[in-house]
């Protein structure tokens, strides 16, 4: 059974009387526990597709299903908060917070089971992906681009979700 499924998914921009399709009638299935890569030229709709799968935007037509249930019926906000972790191309971290605070914010928003000692878990996740305690206690705007991307990865992992969508997650890692 598919974990994520799209059925005749379309997205377009309206330009006067013309519809400029970014995605048109996309039907595909993704199985749980597998790693998928979406390839395409710049401007081909990869980020738009991930935005739709993560419920950051709504398709113009078609449906997206998570474990057989429409994400629309789950509720876009509830789906984003509890079902999917997102690693953005531009990080989307809160610049005045430390790395560990950015991770803990995600843990506090989700309704998923999170260990009681959130701070310890956040530090452990950051350490696991290469951010030591000294860097974890810095505001993220004082970290390098690659370090900020690692914080974004830890934040996605911290929510204890089954689905992580990443838009160029290793672009600045080095």
C-alpha atoms as a PDB file:
ATOM      1  CA  UNK A   1       0.000   0.000   0.000  1.00  0.00           C
ATOM      2  CA  UNK A   2       1.232   3.471  -0.774  1.00  0.00           C
ATOM      3  CA  UNK A   3       2.236   5.778   2.036  1.00  0.00           C
ATOM      4  CA  UNK A   4       1.887   8.964  -0.001  1.00  0.00           C
ATOM      5  CA  UNK A   5      -0.174   9.038  -3.162  1.00  0.00           C
ATOM      6  CA  UNK A   6      -1.089  11.798  -5.572  1.00  0.00           C
ATOM      7  CA  UNK A   7      -4.023  11.477  -7.922  1.00  0.00           C
ATOM      8  CA  UNK A   8      -4.267  13.771 -10.962  1.00  0.00           C
ATOM      9  CA  UNK A   9      -2.465  16.548  -9.096  1.00  0.00           C
ATOM     10  CA  UNK A  10      -2.289  19.876 -10.936  1.00  0.00           C
ATOM     11  CA  UNK A  11      -0.956  23.302 -10.077  1.00  0.00           C
ATOM     12  CA  UNK A  12      -0.879  26.407 -12.243  1.00  0.00           C
ATOM     13  CA  UNK A  13      -0.508  30.153 -12.187  1.00  0.00           C
ATOM     14  CA  UNK A  14      -3.159  32.296 -13.811  1.00  0.00           C
ATOM     15  CA  UNK A  15      -1.767  34.867 -16.240  1.00  0.00           C
ATOM     16  CA  UNK A  16      -4.783  36.773 -17.544  1.00  0.00           C
ATOM     17  CA  UNK A  17      -6.844  34.218 -19.434  1.00  0.00           C
ATOM     18  CA  UNK A  18      -3.930  31.771 -19.632  1.00  0.00           C
ATOM     19  CA  UNK A  19      -3.200  29.004 -17.140  1.00  0.00           C
ATOM     20  CA  UNK A  20       0.543  28.347 -16.830  1.00  0.00           C
ATOM     21  CA  UNK A  21       0.777  24.768 -15.579  1.00  0.00           C
ATOM     22  CA  UNK A  22       3.665  23.937 -13.287  1.00  0.00           C
ATOM     23  CA  UNK A  23       2.323  20.416 -12.655  1.00  0.00           C
ATOM     24  CA  UNK A  24      -0.446  18.742 -14.634  1.00  0.00           C
ATOM     25  CA  UNK A  25      -2.313  15.528 -13.785  1.00  0.00           C
ATOM     26  CA  UNK A  26       0.513  14.016 -11.710  1.00  0.00           C
ATOM     27  CA  UNK A  27      -0.359  10.604 -10.268  1.00  0.00           C
ATOM     28  CA  UNK A  28       2.287   8.745  -8.304  1.00  0.00           C
ATOM     29  CA  UNK A  29       2.779   6.625  -5.207  1.00  0.00           C
ATOM     30  CA  UNK A  30       5.517   6.480  -2.599  1.00  0.00           C
ATOM     31  CA  UNK A  31       6.036   3.567  -0.218  1.00  0.00           C
ATOM     32  CA  UNK A  32       6.889   3.933   3.458  1.00  0.00           C
ATOM     33  CA  UNK A  33      10.494   3.216   4.379  1.00  0.00           C
ATOM     34  CA  UNK A  34      11.919   4.074   0.960  1.00  0.00           C
ATOM     35  CA  UNK A  35      14.059   7.010  -0.103  1.00  0.00           C
ATOM     36  CA  UNK A  36      12.981   8.882  -3.227  1.00  0.00           C
ATOM     37  CA  UNK A  37      14.724  11.560  -5.238  1.00  0.00           C
ATOM     38  CA  UNK A  38      12.924  13.910  -7.595  1.00  0.00           C
ATOM     39  CA  UNK A  39      15.130  15.182 -10.388  1.00  0.00           C
ATOM     40  CA  UNK A  40      14.517  17.905 -12.915  1.00  0.00           C
ATOM     41  CA  UNK A  41      15.781  21.150 -14.318  1.00  0.00           C
ATOM     42  CA  UNK A  42      15.526  24.383 -12.387  1.00  0.00           C
ATOM     43  CA  UNK A  43      11.966  25.659 -12.700  1.00  0.00           C
ATOM     44  CA  UNK A  44      10.513  22.244 -13.532  1.00  0.00           C
ATOM     45  CA  UNK A  45       8.198  22.133 -10.483  1.00  0.00           C
ATOM     46  CA  UNK A  46      10.179  20.127  -7.909  1.00  0.00           C
ATOM     47  CA  UNK A  47       9.783  22.692  -5.118  1.00  0.00           C
ATOM     48  CA  UNK A  48       6.126  23.229  -6.046  1.00  0.00           C
ATOM     49  CA  UNK A  49       5.535  19.472  -5.846  1.00  0.00           C
ATOM     50  CA  UNK A  50       7.162  19.317  -2.388  1.00  0.00           C
ATOM     51  CA  UNK A  51       5.109  22.336  -1.276  1.00  0.00           C
ATOM     52  CA  UNK A  52       1.957  20.487  -2.260  1.00  0.00           C
ATOM     53  CA  UNK A  53       3.059  17.214  -0.616  1.00  0.00           C
ATOM     54  CA  UNK A  54       3.842  19.106   2.585  1.00  0.00           C
ATOM     55  CA  UNK A  55       0.535  21.045   2.494  1.00  0.00           C
ATOM     56  CA  UNK A  56       2.263  24.406   2.320  1.00  0.00           C
ATOM     57  CA  UNK A  57       0.184  25.102  -0.773  1.00  0.00           C
ATOM     58  CA  UNK A  58      -3.048  23.645  -2.083  1.00  0.00           C
ATOM     59  CA  UNK A  59      -3.328  21.943  -5.468  1.00  0.00           C
ATOM     60  CA  UNK A  60      -5.582  23.545  -8.082  1.00  0.00           C
ATOM     61  CA  UNK A  61      -7.000  20.078  -8.741  1.00  0.00           C
ATOM     62  CA  UNK A  62      -6.359  16.496  -7.729  1.00  0.00           C
ATOM     63  CA  UNK A  63      -5.773  14.881  -4.363  1.00  0.00           C
ATOM     64  CA  UNK A  64      -2.909  13.943  -2.075  1.00  0.00           C
ATOM     65  CA  UNK A  65      -3.340  10.980   0.253  1.00  0.00           C
ATOM     66  CA  UNK A  66      -1.371  10.107   3.391  1.00  0.00           C
ATOM     67  CA  UNK A  67      -1.893   6.481   4.468  1.00  0.00           C
ATOM     68  CA  UNK A  68      -5.023   6.355   2.335  1.00  0.00           C
ATOM     69  CA  UNK A  69      -6.590   9.511   3.789  1.00  0.00           C
ATOM     70  CA  UNK A  70      -6.844  12.800   1.930  1.00  0.00           C
ATOM     71  CA  UNK A  71      -4.555  15.394   3.518  1.00  0.00           C
ATOM     72  CA  UNK A  72      -7.372  17.874   2.980  1.00  0.00           C
ATOM     73  CA  UNK A  73      -9.632  15.816   5.274  1.00  0.00           C
ATOM     74  CA  UNK A  74      -6.805  15.432   7.822  1.00  0.00           C
ATOM     75  CA  UNK A  75      -6.500  19.224   7.747  1.00  0.00           C
ATOM     76  CA  UNK A  76      -3.490  20.934   6.211  1.00  0.00           C
ATOM     77  CA  UNK A  77      -2.247  22.463   9.473  1.00  0.00           C
ATOM     78  CA  UNK A  78      -2.674  19.241  11.463  1.00  0.00           C
ATOM     79  CA  UNK A  79      -0.969  17.271   8.669  1.00  0.00           C
ATOM     80  CA  UNK A  80       2.015  19.673   8.618  1.00  0.00           C
ATOM     81  CA  UNK A  81       2.291  19.674  12.414  1.00  0.00           C
ATOM     82  CA  UNK A  82       2.029  15.921  12.984  1.00  0.00           C
ATOM     83  CA  UNK A  83       2.665  13.950   9.805  1.00  0.00           C
ATOM     84  CA  UNK A  84       5.468  15.616   7.847  1.00  0.00           C
ATOM     85  CA  UNK A  85       8.878  17.114   8.590  1.00  0.00           C
ATOM     86  CA  UNK A  86      10.105  19.696   6.106  1.00  0.00           C
ATOM     87  CA  UNK A  87      13.690  20.627   5.325  1.00  0.00           C
ATOM     88  CA  UNK A  88      13.497  23.856   3.367  1.00  0.00           C
ATOM     89  CA  UNK A  89      15.974  24.950   0.729  1.00  0.00           C
ATOM     90  CA  UNK A  90      16.259  28.279   2.573  1.00  0.00           C
ATOM     91  CA  UNK A  91      16.303  26.674   6.075  1.00  0.00           C
ATOM     92  CA  UNK A  92      13.421  28.804   7.511  1.00  0.00           C
ATOM     93  CA  UNK A  93      15.041  28.912  10.939  1.00  0.00           C
ATOM     94  CA  UNK A  94      14.159  31.548  13.538  1.00  0.00           C
ATOM     95  CA  UNK A  95      17.287  33.743  13.361  1.00  0.00           C
ATOM     96  CA  UNK A  96      17.235  35.179  16.903  1.00  0.00           C
ATOM     97  CA  UNK A  97      16.972  31.702  18.483  1.00  0.00           C
ATOM     98  CA  UNK A  98      19.786  29.264  19.143  1.00  0.00           C
ATOM     99  CA  UNK A  99      20.109  26.036  17.195  1.00  0.00           C
ATOM    100  CA  UNK A 100      18.768  24.012  20.117  1.00  0.00           C
ATOM    101  CA  UNK A 101      15.825  26.407  20.545  1.00  0.00           C
ATOM    102  CA  UNK A 102      14.948  26.050  16.845  1.00  0.00           C
ATOM    103  CA  UNK A 103      14.815  22.268  17.269  1.00  0.00           C
ATOM    104  CA  UNK A 104      12.753  22.503  20.465  1.00  0.00           C
ATOM    105  CA  UNK A 105      10.205  24.819  18.834  1.00  0.00           C
ATOM    106  CA  UNK A 106       9.326  22.050  16.384  1.00  0.00           C
ATOM    107  CA  UNK A 107       9.076  19.558  19.239  1.00  0.00           C
ATOM    108  CA  UNK A 108       6.644  21.837  21.082  1.00  0.00           C
ATOM    109  CA  UNK A 109       4.354  22.301  18.077  1.00  0.00           C
ATOM    110  CA  UNK A 110       3.800  18.659  17.190  1.00  0.00           C
ATOM    111  CA  UNK A 111       1.180  16.501  18.881  1.00  0.00           C
ATOM    112  CA  UNK A 112       3.404  13.430  18.327  1.00  0.00           C
ATOM    113  CA  UNK A 113       5.028  11.601  21.222  1.00  0.00           C
ATOM    114  CA  UNK A 114       8.247  13.367  22.149  1.00  0.00           C
ATOM    115  CA  UNK A 115      10.555  12.239  24.998  1.00  0.00           C
ATOM    116  CA  UNK A 116      10.087  14.247  28.198  1.00  0.00           C
ATOM    117  CA  UNK A 117      13.659  15.596  28.217  1.00  0.00           C
ATOM    118  CA  UNK A 118      13.275  17.691  25.049  1.00  0.00           C
ATOM    119  CA  UNK A 119      16.444  19.671  25.625  1.00  0.00           C
ATOM    120  CA  UNK A 120      18.602  16.548  25.918  1.00  0.00           C
ATOM    121  CA  UNK A 121      16.973  15.038  22.815  1.00  0.00           C
ATOM    122  CA  UNK A 122      17.527  18.280  20.874  1.00  0.00           C
ATOM    123  CA  UNK A 123      21.219  18.422  21.856  1.00  0.00           C
ATOM    124  CA  UNK A 124      21.643  14.730  20.960  1.00  0.00           C
ATOM    125  CA  UNK A 125      20.033  15.208  17.537  1.00  0.00           C
ATOM    126  CA  UNK A 126      22.210  18.221  16.812  1.00  0.00           C
ATOM    127  CA  UNK A 127      25.324  16.364  17.945  1.00  0.00           C
ATOM    128  CA  UNK A 128      24.367  13.393  15.758  1.00  0.00           C
ATOM    129  CA  UNK A 129      24.308  15.591  12.663  1.00  0.00           C
ATOM    130  CA  UNK A 130      27.526  17.419  13.496  1.00  0.00           C
ATOM    131  CA  UNK A 131      26.534  20.401  15.650  1.00  0.00           C
ATOM    132  CA  UNK A 132      28.338  20.279  19.005  1.00  0.00           C
ATOM    133  CA  UNK A 133      26.954  21.874  22.191  1.00  0.00           C
ATOM    134  CA  UNK A 134      28.919  25.113  21.751  1.00  0.00           C
ATOM    135  CA  UNK A 135      27.432  25.637  18.295  1.00  0.00           C
ATOM    136  CA  UNK A 136      23.990  24.407  19.417  1.00  0.00           C
ATOM    137  CA  UNK A 137      23.947  27.265  21.942  1.00  0.00           C
ATOM    138  CA  UNK A 138      24.677  29.934  19.302  1.00  0.00           C
ATOM    139  CA  UNK A 139      21.976  31.877  17.531  1.00  0.00           C
ATOM    140  CA  UNK A 140      21.526  30.308  14.128  1.00  0.00           C
ATOM    141  CA  UNK A 141      22.436  33.517  12.304  1.00  0.00           C
ATOM    142  CA  UNK A 142      25.976  33.000  13.703  1.00  0.00           C
ATOM    143  CA  UNK A 143      26.278  29.571  12.097  1.00  0.00           C
ATOM    144  CA  UNK A 144      27.526  28.824   8.593  1.00  0.00           C
ATOM    145  CA  UNK A 145      25.070  27.923   5.838  1.00  0.00           C
ATOM    146  CA  UNK A 146      25.946  24.239   6.129  1.00  0.00           C
ATOM    147  CA  UNK A 147      25.509  24.338   9.899  1.00  0.00           C
ATOM    148  CA  UNK A 148      22.131  26.046   9.526  1.00  0.00           C
ATOM    149  CA  UNK A 149      21.058  23.327   7.118  1.00  0.00           C
ATOM    150  CA  UNK A 150      22.062  20.697   9.686  1.00  0.00           C
ATOM    151  CA  UNK A 151      19.892  22.474  12.264  1.00  0.00           C
ATOM    152  CA  UNK A 152      17.000  22.338   9.783  1.00  0.00           C
ATOM    153  CA  UNK A 153      17.562  18.585   9.382  1.00  0.00           C
ATOM    154  CA  UNK A 154      17.599  18.072  13.168  1.00  0.00           C
ATOM    155  CA  UNK A 155      14.412  20.129  13.460  1.00  0.00           C
ATOM    156  CA  UNK A 156      12.652  17.866  10.938  1.00  0.00           C
ATOM    157  CA  UNK A 157      13.846  14.723  12.728  1.00  0.00           C
ATOM    158  CA  UNK A 158      12.809  16.052  16.152  1.00  0.00           C
ATOM    159  CA  UNK A 159       9.087  15.960  15.402  1.00  0.00           C
ATOM    160  CA  UNK A 160       8.985  12.140  15.298  1.00  0.00           C
ATOM    161  CA  UNK A 161       7.167  11.993  11.948  1.00  0.00           C
ATOM    162  CA  UNK A 162       7.092   9.182   9.391  1.00  0.00           C
ATOM    163  CA  UNK A 163       7.592  11.477   6.381  1.00  0.00           C
ATOM    164  CA  UNK A 164      10.417  13.933   5.780  1.00  0.00           C
ATOM    165  CA  UNK A 165      10.387  16.070   2.657  1.00  0.00           C
ATOM    166  CA  UNK A 166      13.614  17.844   1.788  1.00  0.00           C
ATOM    167  CA  UNK A 167      14.171  20.519  -0.830  1.00  0.00           C
ATOM    168  CA  UNK A 168      17.894  20.316  -1.682  1.00  0.00           C
ATOM    169  CA  UNK A 169      18.848  19.251   1.858  1.00  0.00           C
ATOM    170  CA  UNK A 170      22.556  18.804   1.172  1.00  0.00           C
ATOM    171  CA  UNK A 171      23.050  21.846  -1.028  1.00  0.00           C
ATOM    172  CA  UNK A 172      25.366  23.633   1.434  1.00  0.00           C
ATOM    173  CA  UNK A 173      26.632  20.736   3.500  1.00  0.00           C
ATOM    174  CA  UNK A 174      30.279  20.164   3.084  1.00  0.00           C
END
